[in-house]
Amino acid sequence: MAAVASAEMTSVAEEAAILYASGHAGQAAALLADYARSAPDRMEAQPWLMLFEIFQLQGDKRRFDELALEFVVKFERTAPVWDDVKVPGATSAQAPAGPAAERYVSLTGVLKGDKDTFFQSMVQTAQKGAGLRLDFSRLEGVEACGSRRLADTMLELKKNGKKITPIGVGRLADLLKGMIGRGGEDEQAHWQLLLHLYQCQDMQAEFEDMAVEYAVAFEVSPPSWEPMPQCKAVAAAKSPAPDVAPHDDGAFYLSGVISAASEHQFQKMAEFASIHSEILLDMSNVPRVDFVSIGNFVGTLAGLSGSGKKVLIRNANEMIHVLFAIMGADQFATILRRKVG
């Protein structure tokens, strides 16, 4: 009987993982919830853990907390803990470095201003080190309230003496420029954030040109240039490639959704692999591996393994773990499971 239940659970987990990988998180969650709650005597934790991951990545703390209460009662063990950093709009990776090191935060998806926990955690993360490396290279959009909150947060960090190193500024600048000229009161927030970015990058000429345009557009005095040495000093140093978080623990950190757009990240991984016999890939900042791209990803692992490299993967979420099992990724890499609960 247990074998039948296990086979049924495996089938449900695999179907949910494929749905999630295909971009259907809601359908995956509904399938898992239905299975997890349909039979009180089932003591299989995996569907529950997958459901926790989906609620976390969707930023649905209410449903996460409700599930946690059910989980504790059913399994008589500690439930997974909500992580404020892993809210929509951001992924964060931190090296085990001392207070003199900068921390890394990658902003993804659409930047909104209603995610209080994210902006609070950004400040808290910066407090643990010398400042932040803010990676904008994977942003897909910016709302006015998001521009306003980000500018305010960066100013707060500046007042607290924290370094700010923008990465992938061109991506955010393009998004902001695309929002300027449409009209409307909200547009002002995009102008202000772009001006702040120019200051942070020591781009005085660009700042002054835009300050004049800003003054004309909103009938105000043009903003004054204010040097930001804590940005300039770091920006003058050689920055890491935008796809790779600066870590010193020997791992290569993947980030964002692994998809057809991840080619450059794979190239960086290949460069990393060329100088290491043992390759540790960290996927703590990967919310999803796109189903269309999982074949290419596993093919990359196969190529590394075939060339004599030892590949280890850590911190992949539950949906990715199941997807790896479906695609046979464990034939080419050692998959290290995260501790939960």
Protein backbone atom coordinates (compact mmCIF):
# COMPACT_ATOMS: atom_id res chain seq x y z
CA MET A 1 0.00 0.00 0.00
CA ALA A 2 2.86 2.36 0.89
CA ALA A 3 4.49 1.68 -2.50
CA VAL A 4 1.27 2.70 -4.29
CA ALA A 5 1.05 5.89 -2.24
CA SER A 6 4.71 6.63 -2.96
CA ALA A 7 4.22 6.11 -6.69
CA GLU A 8 1.16 8.37 -6.61
CA MET A 9 3.06 11.05 -4.72
CA THR A 10 5.95 10.85 -7.18
CA SER A 11 3.55 11.27 -10.09
CA VAL A 12 1.90 14.31 -8.49
CA ALA A 13 5.26 15.86 -7.60
CA GLU A 14 6.56 15.37 -11.14
CA GLU A 15 3.42 16.83 -12.74
CA ALA A 16 3.59 19.83 -10.39
CA ALA A 17 7.30 20.35 -11.12
CA ILE A 18 6.65 20.36 -14.87
CA LEU A 19 3.73 22.77 -14.47
CA TYR A 20 5.89 25.09 -12.38
CA ALA A 21 8.81 24.87 -14.81
CA SER A 22 6.39 25.75 -17.62
CA GLY A 23 5.33 28.93 -15.82
CA HIS A 24 2.06 27.63 -14.33
CA ALA A 25 2.78 28.14 -10.62
CA GLY A 26 -0.90 28.50 -9.71
CA GLN A 27 -1.84 25.18 -11.28
CA ALA A 28 1.14 23.48 -9.63
CA ALA A 29 0.13 24.84 -6.22
CA ALA A 30 -3.49 23.72 -6.66
CA LEU A 31 -2.38 20.20 -7.60
CA LEU A 32 -0.03 19.91 -4.62
CA ALA A 33 -2.55 21.35 -2.16
CA ASP A 34 -5.24 18.96 -3.33
CA TYR A 35 -2.96 15.96 -2.93
CA ALA A 36 -1.48 17.06 0.42
CA ARG A 37 -4.89 17.56 2.02
CA SER A 38 -6.92 14.84 0.31
CA ALA A 39 -5.88 12.05 2.69
CA PRO A 40 -5.08 12.86 6.35
CA ASP A 41 -3.16 9.59 6.80
CA ARG A 42 -0.57 10.40 4.12
CA MET A 43 2.73 11.26 5.79
CA GLU A 44 4.66 12.34 2.68
CA ALA A 45 6.31 15.70 3.25
CA GLN A 46 7.58 16.44 -0.27
CA PRO A 47 4.33 17.85 -1.71
CA TRP A 48 4.07 20.11 1.34
CA LEU A 49 7.67 21.30 0.94
CA MET A 50 7.08 22.05 -2.74
CA LEU A 51 3.99 24.02 -1.79
CA PHE A 52 5.95 26.03 0.78
CA GLU A 53 8.47 26.92 -1.94
CA ILE A 54 5.79 28.11 -4.34
CA PHE A 55 4.08 30.31 -1.71
CA GLN A 56 7.49 31.73 -0.73
CA LEU A 57 8.45 32.53 -4.33
CA GLN A 58 5.01 34.06 -4.95
CA GLY A 59 5.40 36.26 -1.87
CA ASP A 60 2.19 34.78 -0.39
CA LYS A 61 3.03 34.91 3.31
CA ARG A 62 -0.57 34.42 4.45
CA ARG A 63 -0.93 31.07 2.71
CA PHE A 64 2.62 30.12 3.73
CA ASP A 65 1.81 30.72 7.41
CA GLU A 66 -1.50 28.84 7.16
CA LEU A 67 0.31 25.88 5.59
CA ALA A 68 2.96 26.01 8.33
CA LEU A 69 0.33 25.56 11.04
CA GLU A 70 -1.14 22.55 9.23
CA PHE A 71 2.33 21.11 8.66
CA VAL A 72 3.33 21.28 12.34
CA VAL A 73 0.11 19.58 13.45
CA LYS A 74 0.35 16.85 10.80
CA PHE A 75 4.05 16.01 10.94
CA GLU A 76 4.83 17.08 14.53
CA ARG A 77 8.01 18.82 13.38
CA THR A 78 9.12 22.37 12.68
CA ALA A 79 7.82 23.86 9.45
CA PRO A 80 9.99 25.73 6.93
CA VAL A 81 10.56 29.36 7.90
CA TRP A 82 9.45 32.32 5.78
CA ASP A 83 12.37 34.27 4.31
CA ASP A 84 11.75 38.00 3.83
CA VAL A 85 14.58 38.28 1.31
CA LYS A 86 12.97 35.81 -1.12
CA VAL A 87 10.02 37.97 -2.04
CA PRO A 88 9.04 38.75 -5.64
CA GLY A 89 11.29 41.39 -7.13
CA ALA A 90 14.53 40.28 -5.55
CA THR A 91 16.97 37.51 -4.99
CA SER A 92 19.86 37.86 -2.63
CA ALA A 93 23.13 36.04 -2.23
CA GLN A 94 25.65 36.68 0.45
CA ALA A 95 29.15 35.38 0.76
CA PRO A 96 30.32 34.26 4.20
CA ALA A 97 32.47 37.34 4.50
CA GLY A 98 33.11 39.78 7.31
CA PRO A 99 31.55 43.21 7.88
CA ALA A 100 34.01 44.85 5.48
CA ALA A 101 32.53 43.01 2.51
CA GLU A 102 29.69 44.24 0.36
CA ARG A 103 26.54 42.14 0.08
CA TYR A 104 24.89 41.25 -3.21
CA VAL A 105 21.23 41.71 -4.14
CA SER A 106 19.81 40.94 -7.57
CA LEU A 107 16.51 42.57 -8.51
CA THR A 108 14.30 40.55 -10.82
CA GLY A 109 10.83 40.73 -12.32
CA VAL A 110 8.88 43.98 -12.02
CA LEU A 111 10.07 46.37 -9.33
CA LYS A 112 7.10 47.46 -7.23
CA GLY A 113 6.89 49.66 -4.16
CA ASP A 114 4.44 47.61 -2.12
CA LYS A 115 6.92 44.96 -0.99
CA ASP A 116 7.87 46.46 2.36
CA THR A 117 9.72 43.34 3.47
CA PHE A 118 12.03 43.48 0.47
CA PHE A 119 13.10 47.10 0.92
CA GLN A 120 13.49 46.56 4.66
CA SER A 121 15.58 43.45 4.09
CA MET A 122 17.72 45.34 1.57
CA VAL A 123 18.67 47.85 4.28
CA GLN A 124 19.19 45.06 6.83
CA THR A 125 21.39 43.14 4.40
CA ALA A 126 23.51 46.24 3.79
CA GLN A 127 23.94 46.71 7.54
CA LYS A 128 25.67 43.32 7.73
CA GLY A 129 28.48 44.53 5.50
CA ALA A 130 30.04 47.61 3.98
CA GLY A 131 27.13 48.12 1.61
CA LEU A 132 25.38 46.56 -1.37
CA ARG A 133 26.10 45.49 -4.90
CA LEU A 134 22.73 46.06 -6.55
CA ASP A 135 22.32 44.03 -9.73
CA PHE A 136 19.65 45.43 -12.07
CA SER A 137 20.52 43.28 -15.09
CA ARG A 138 17.46 41.01 -14.74
CA LEU A 139 14.76 43.58 -14.10
CA GLU A 140 11.78 43.25 -16.43
CA GLY A 141 9.89 46.41 -15.50
CA VAL A 142 9.60 49.26 -13.02
CA GLU A 143 6.50 50.80 -11.50
CA ALA A 144 6.54 54.40 -10.29
CA CYS A 145 6.13 53.35 -6.66
CA GLY A 146 9.08 50.97 -7.13
CA SER A 147 11.29 53.76 -8.49
CA ARG A 148 10.34 55.95 -5.56
CA ARG A 149 11.02 53.27 -2.95
CA LEU A 150 14.32 52.25 -4.52
CA ALA A 151 15.56 55.85 -4.69
CA ASP A 152 14.56 56.43 -1.05
CA THR A 153 16.28 53.21 0.02
CA MET A 154 19.48 54.10 -1.80
CA LEU A 155 19.45 57.54 -0.17
CA GLU A 156 18.97 55.92 3.23
CA LEU A 157 21.97 53.68 2.62
CA LYS A 158 23.99 56.69 1.52
CA LYS A 159 23.12 58.58 4.72
CA ASN A 160 24.19 55.54 6.74
CA GLY A 161 27.57 55.55 5.01
CA LYS A 162 27.00 52.33 3.08
CA LYS A 163 28.63 51.76 -0.29
CA ILE A 164 26.36 51.23 -3.27
CA THR A 165 27.74 49.47 -6.33
CA PRO A 166 25.18 49.33 -9.15
CA ILE A 167 25.59 46.44 -11.61
CA GLY A 168 23.71 46.32 -14.90
CA VAL A 169 22.76 50.00 -14.66
CA GLY A 170 22.18 50.12 -18.41
CA ARG A 171 19.23 47.74 -18.05
CA LEU A 172 17.52 49.86 -15.39
CA ALA A 173 18.34 53.09 -17.22
CA ASP A 174 16.72 51.76 -20.41
CA LEU A 175 13.59 50.76 -18.48
CA LEU A 176 13.38 54.18 -16.84
CA LYS A 177 13.92 56.05 -20.10
CA GLY A 178 11.12 54.00 -21.60
CA MET A 179 8.79 55.30 -18.87
CA ILE A 180 9.76 58.94 -19.32
CA GLY A 181 7.76 61.06 -21.75
CA ARG A 182 4.46 59.25 -21.33
CA GLY A 183 3.04 61.97 -19.13
CA GLY A 184 1.44 61.68 -15.73
CA GLU A 185 2.45 62.58 -12.22
CA ASP A 186 3.98 59.16 -11.51
CA GLU A 187 6.61 59.79 -14.15
CA GLN A 188 8.50 62.09 -11.80
CA ALA A 189 9.66 59.12 -9.70
CA HIS A 190 11.38 57.56 -12.72
CA TRP A 191 13.22 60.80 -13.46
CA GLN A 192 14.40 61.06 -9.86
CA LEU A 193 15.69 57.49 -9.76
CA LEU A 194 17.54 57.92 -13.05
CA LEU A 195 19.15 61.13 -11.79
CA HIS A 196 20.18 59.29 -8.63
CA LEU A 197 21.75 56.51 -10.68
CA TYR A 198 23.73 59.04 -12.70
CA GLN A 199 25.07 60.51 -9.46
CA CYS A 200 25.95 57.09 -8.17
CA GLN A 201 27.88 56.33 -11.37
CA ASP A 202 29.69 59.71 -11.31
CA MET A 203 28.05 60.61 -14.64
CA GLN A 204 27.94 64.36 -14.06
CA ALA A 205 27.44 65.43 -17.68
CA GLU A 206 24.48 63.08 -18.14
CA PHE A 207 23.09 64.19 -14.78
CA GLU A 208 23.24 67.88 -15.63
CA ASP A 209 21.65 67.41 -19.06
CA MET A 210 18.78 65.43 -17.56
CA ALA A 211 18.44 67.83 -14.63
CA VAL A 212 17.65 70.64 -17.10
CA GLU A 213 15.08 68.45 -18.90
CA TYR A 214 13.57 67.51 -15.54
CA ALA A 215 13.28 71.15 -14.50
CA VAL A 216 11.51 72.05 -17.75
CA ALA A 217 9.18 69.04 -17.63
CA PHE A 218 8.03 69.65 -14.06
CA GLU A 219 8.53 73.44 -13.82
CA VAL A 220 10.91 73.19 -10.87
CA SER A 221 14.49 74.20 -10.18
CA PRO A 222 16.99 71.73 -11.62
CA PRO A 223 18.45 69.27 -9.06
CA SER A 224 22.01 70.00 -7.97
CA TRP A 225 24.88 67.64 -8.60
CA GLU A 226 26.12 65.95 -5.45
CA PRO A 227 29.16 63.64 -5.61
CA MET A 228 28.74 60.20 -4.05
CA PRO A 229 32.29 59.08 -3.23
CA GLN A 230 31.16 55.82 -1.64
CA CYS A 231 29.77 54.82 -5.05
CA LYS A 232 32.55 56.30 -7.13
CA ALA A 233 35.35 54.58 -5.22
CA VAL A 234 33.86 51.12 -5.72
CA ALA A 235 32.73 51.75 -9.28
CA ALA A 236 36.31 52.69 -10.18
CA ALA A 237 37.39 49.17 -9.26
CA LYS A 238 36.99 46.30 -11.68
CA SER A 239 33.43 45.03 -11.29
CA PRO A 240 32.48 41.37 -11.59
CA ALA A 241 30.46 40.19 -14.55
CA PRO A 242 26.81 41.09 -13.98
CA ASP A 243 25.70 37.47 -14.07
CA VAL A 244 27.92 36.34 -11.24
CA ALA A 245 27.58 37.36 -7.62
CA PRO A 246 30.92 38.21 -5.97
CA HIS A 247 31.53 35.31 -3.57
CA ASP A 248 34.65 33.97 -1.96
CA ASP A 249 33.44 30.50 -0.90
CA GLY A 250 34.53 28.72 -4.07
CA ALA A 251 31.06 28.34 -5.58
CA PHE A 252 29.59 29.63 -8.83
CA TYR A 253 26.28 31.35 -8.09
CA LEU A 254 23.55 31.06 -10.69
CA SER A 255 20.69 33.55 -10.42
CA GLY A 256 17.32 34.35 -11.93
CA VAL A 257 15.14 32.06 -14.03
CA ILE A 258 17.27 29.67 -16.08
CA SER A 259 15.92 30.11 -19.60
CA ALA A 260 16.95 30.76 -23.18
CA ALA A 261 18.17 34.17 -21.98
CA SER A 262 20.77 32.51 -19.70
CA GLU A 263 23.32 31.86 -22.45
CA HIS A 264 25.74 34.49 -21.13
CA GLN A 265 25.46 33.03 -17.64
CA PHE A 266 26.32 29.58 -19.02
CA GLN A 267 29.36 31.08 -20.75
CA LYS A 268 30.53 32.48 -17.43
CA MET A 269 29.94 29.10 -15.83
CA ALA A 270 32.08 27.47 -18.53
CA GLU A 271 34.88 29.96 -17.82
CA PHE A 272 34.57 29.16 -14.12
CA ALA A 273 34.65 25.43 -14.85
CA SER A 274 37.77 25.73 -17.01
CA ILE A 275 39.88 26.58 -13.97
CA HIS A 276 38.26 24.19 -11.48
CA SER A 277 38.32 20.40 -11.33
CA GLU A 278 35.44 20.39 -8.84
CA ILE A 279 32.56 22.71 -9.68
CA LEU A 280 30.13 23.76 -6.95
CA LEU A 281 27.01 25.39 -8.37
CA ASP A 282 24.80 27.32 -5.97
CA MET A 283 21.15 27.70 -7.02
CA SER A 284 19.81 29.52 -3.95
CA ASN A 285 18.90 32.48 -6.20
CA VAL A 286 17.26 30.46 -8.97
CA PRO A 287 13.46 30.43 -8.53
CA ARG A 288 12.78 28.31 -11.61
CA VAL A 289 14.43 26.39 -14.43
CA ASP A 290 12.28 26.86 -17.53
CA PHE A 291 11.00 23.54 -18.89
CA VAL A 292 12.05 24.44 -22.42
CA SER A 293 15.62 25.05 -21.20
CA ILE A 294 16.08 22.17 -18.74
CA GLY A 295 17.43 19.95 -21.53
CA ASN A 296 20.17 22.46 -22.33
CA PHE A 297 20.99 22.84 -18.64
CA VAL A 298 21.33 19.09 -18.11
CA GLY A 299 23.32 18.91 -21.35
CA THR A 300 25.74 21.44 -19.90
CA LEU A 301 26.10 19.30 -16.77
CA ALA A 302 26.70 16.24 -18.95
CA GLY A 303 29.42 18.08 -20.87
CA LEU A 304 31.18 19.10 -17.67
CA SER A 305 30.94 15.59 -16.26
CA GLY A 306 32.16 14.09 -19.55
CA SER A 307 35.25 16.31 -19.47
CA GLY A 308 36.25 14.86 -16.10
CA LYS A 309 34.82 17.59 -13.90
CA LYS A 310 33.12 16.76 -10.62
CA VAL A 311 29.91 18.79 -10.40
CA LEU A 312 27.96 19.46 -7.21
CA ILE A 313 24.73 21.43 -6.99
CA ARG A 314 23.45 22.94 -3.77
CA ASN A 315 20.47 25.01 -2.60
CA ALA A 316 18.11 24.14 -5.46
CA ASN A 317 14.47 24.47 -4.43
CA GLU A 318 12.09 21.51 -4.25
CA MET A 319 10.55 22.07 -7.70
CA ILE A 320 14.00 22.11 -9.31
CA HIS A 321 15.01 18.99 -7.38
CA VAL A 322 12.06 17.08 -8.79
CA LEU A 323 12.72 18.45 -12.28
CA PHE A 324 16.35 17.29 -12.02
CA ALA A 325 15.13 13.81 -11.05
CA ILE A 326 12.81 13.70 -14.07
CA MET A 327 15.59 14.73 -16.44
CA GLY A 328 18.31 12.55 -14.90
CA ALA A 329 20.56 15.40 -13.80
CA ASP A 330 21.84 13.23 -10.94
CA GLN A 331 23.69 11.13 -13.53
CA PHE A 332 26.04 14.05 -14.14
CA ALA A 333 26.08 15.93 -10.84
CA THR A 334 25.78 15.33 -7.13
CA ILE A 335 22.62 17.06 -5.97
CA LEU A 336 22.93 18.28 -2.37
CA ARG A 337 19.57 18.73 -0.67
CA ARG A 338 18.84 21.72 1.50
CA LYS A 339 17.88 21.28 5.11
CA VAL A 340 14.31 22.38 5.75
CA GLY A 341 12.24 22.77 8.88
